[in-house]
């Protein structure tokens, strides 16, 4: 796999993480706010689903990180810090 292609895939995964983080924050703010137990339950499920999706995207991103590096890639670390992960 060429480095440009791998870099593009990592950028796409970082974008997906940013979108998921924004959606999770939106649903986290709404948890328990409704008078309806059904609405609150749906919001909890959506929030948890977004958390699971973030973890899966993080796992995929870690698999794309070059193996020869001892720690986290500087580019990856800054992107994760930017979105609050």
Protein backbone atom coordinates (compact mmCIF):
# COMPACT_ATOMS: atom_id res chain seq x y z
CA UNK A 1 0.00 0.00 0.00
CA UNK A 2 1.47 3.36 -0.97
CA UNK A 3 2.10 5.93 1.74
CA UNK A 4 -0.25 8.47 0.11
CA UNK A 5 -3.07 5.92 0.08
CA UNK A 6 -2.45 4.96 3.72
CA UNK A 7 -2.31 8.61 4.72
CA UNK A 8 -5.65 9.20 2.98
CA UNK A 9 -7.22 6.27 4.79
CA UNK A 10 -5.97 7.58 8.12
CA UNK A 11 -7.39 11.02 7.29
CA UNK A 12 -10.75 9.45 6.49
CA UNK A 13 -10.78 7.55 9.77
CA UNK A 14 -9.86 10.69 11.70
CA UNK A 15 -12.75 12.50 10.03
CA UNK A 16 -15.07 9.66 11.01
CA UNK A 17 -13.83 9.89 14.61
CA UNK A 18 -14.49 13.63 14.67
CA UNK A 19 -18.03 13.16 13.38
CA UNK A 20 -18.73 10.38 15.87
CA UNK A 21 -17.34 12.48 18.74
CA UNK A 22 -19.61 15.39 17.81
CA UNK A 23 -22.66 13.13 17.62
CA UNK A 24 -21.79 11.47 20.92
CA UNK A 25 -21.47 14.87 22.62
CA UNK A 26 -24.88 15.84 21.27
CA UNK A 27 -26.53 12.72 22.64
CA UNK A 28 -24.63 12.87 25.94
CA UNK A 29 -26.11 16.32 26.57
CA UNK A 30 -29.62 14.96 26.01
CA UNK A 31 -29.34 11.91 28.30
CA UNK A 32 -32.04 11.92 30.97
CA UNK A 33 -33.51 15.27 29.83
CA UNK A 34 -36.85 13.94 28.60
CA UNK A 35 -39.85 13.22 30.79
CA UNK A 36 -40.48 10.10 28.71
CA UNK A 37 -38.66 6.94 29.81
CA UNK A 38 -38.86 5.60 26.26
CA UNK A 39 -37.13 8.67 24.81
CA UNK A 40 -34.44 8.50 27.49
CA UNK A 41 -33.89 4.82 26.74
CA UNK A 42 -33.53 5.49 23.01
CA UNK A 43 -31.04 8.28 23.73
CA UNK A 44 -28.97 5.97 25.94
CA UNK A 45 -28.87 3.33 23.22
CA UNK A 46 -27.81 5.89 20.59
CA UNK A 47 -25.12 7.25 22.90
CA UNK A 48 -23.72 3.78 23.59
CA UNK A 49 -23.84 2.91 19.88
CA UNK A 50 -21.77 5.99 19.08
CA UNK A 51 -19.23 5.05 21.76
CA UNK A 52 -18.89 1.55 20.31
CA UNK A 53 -18.51 2.98 16.80
CA UNK A 54 -15.76 5.32 18.00
CA UNK A 55 -13.87 2.42 19.53
CA UNK A 56 -14.12 0.41 16.33
CA UNK A 57 -12.86 3.32 14.23
CA UNK A 58 -10.00 3.86 16.72
CA UNK A 59 -9.10 0.18 16.38
CA UNK A 60 -9.06 0.43 12.58
CA UNK A 61 -6.95 3.58 12.78
CA UNK A 62 -4.46 1.86 15.11
CA UNK A 63 -4.17 -1.02 12.65
CA UNK A 64 -3.21 1.44 9.91
CA UNK A 65 -0.52 3.04 12.05
CA UNK A 66 2.95 1.87 10.96
CA UNK A 67 4.22 -1.00 13.12
CA UNK A 68 7.81 0.21 13.42
CA UNK A 69 6.91 3.11 15.66
CA UNK A 70 7.41 2.64 19.39
CA UNK A 71 4.68 5.05 20.47
CA UNK A 72 1.72 6.73 18.95
CA UNK A 73 2.29 8.59 15.71
CA UNK A 74 2.56 12.35 16.30
CA UNK A 75 0.02 12.99 13.55
CA UNK A 76 -2.41 10.51 15.10
CA UNK A 77 -1.93 11.86 18.61
CA UNK A 78 -2.63 15.43 17.57
CA UNK A 79 -5.76 14.39 15.65
CA UNK A 80 -7.09 12.39 18.62
CA UNK A 81 -6.37 15.28 20.99
CA UNK A 82 -8.16 17.67 18.67
CA UNK A 83 -11.39 15.68 18.88
CA UNK A 84 -11.03 14.96 22.57
CA UNK A 85 -10.17 11.26 22.61
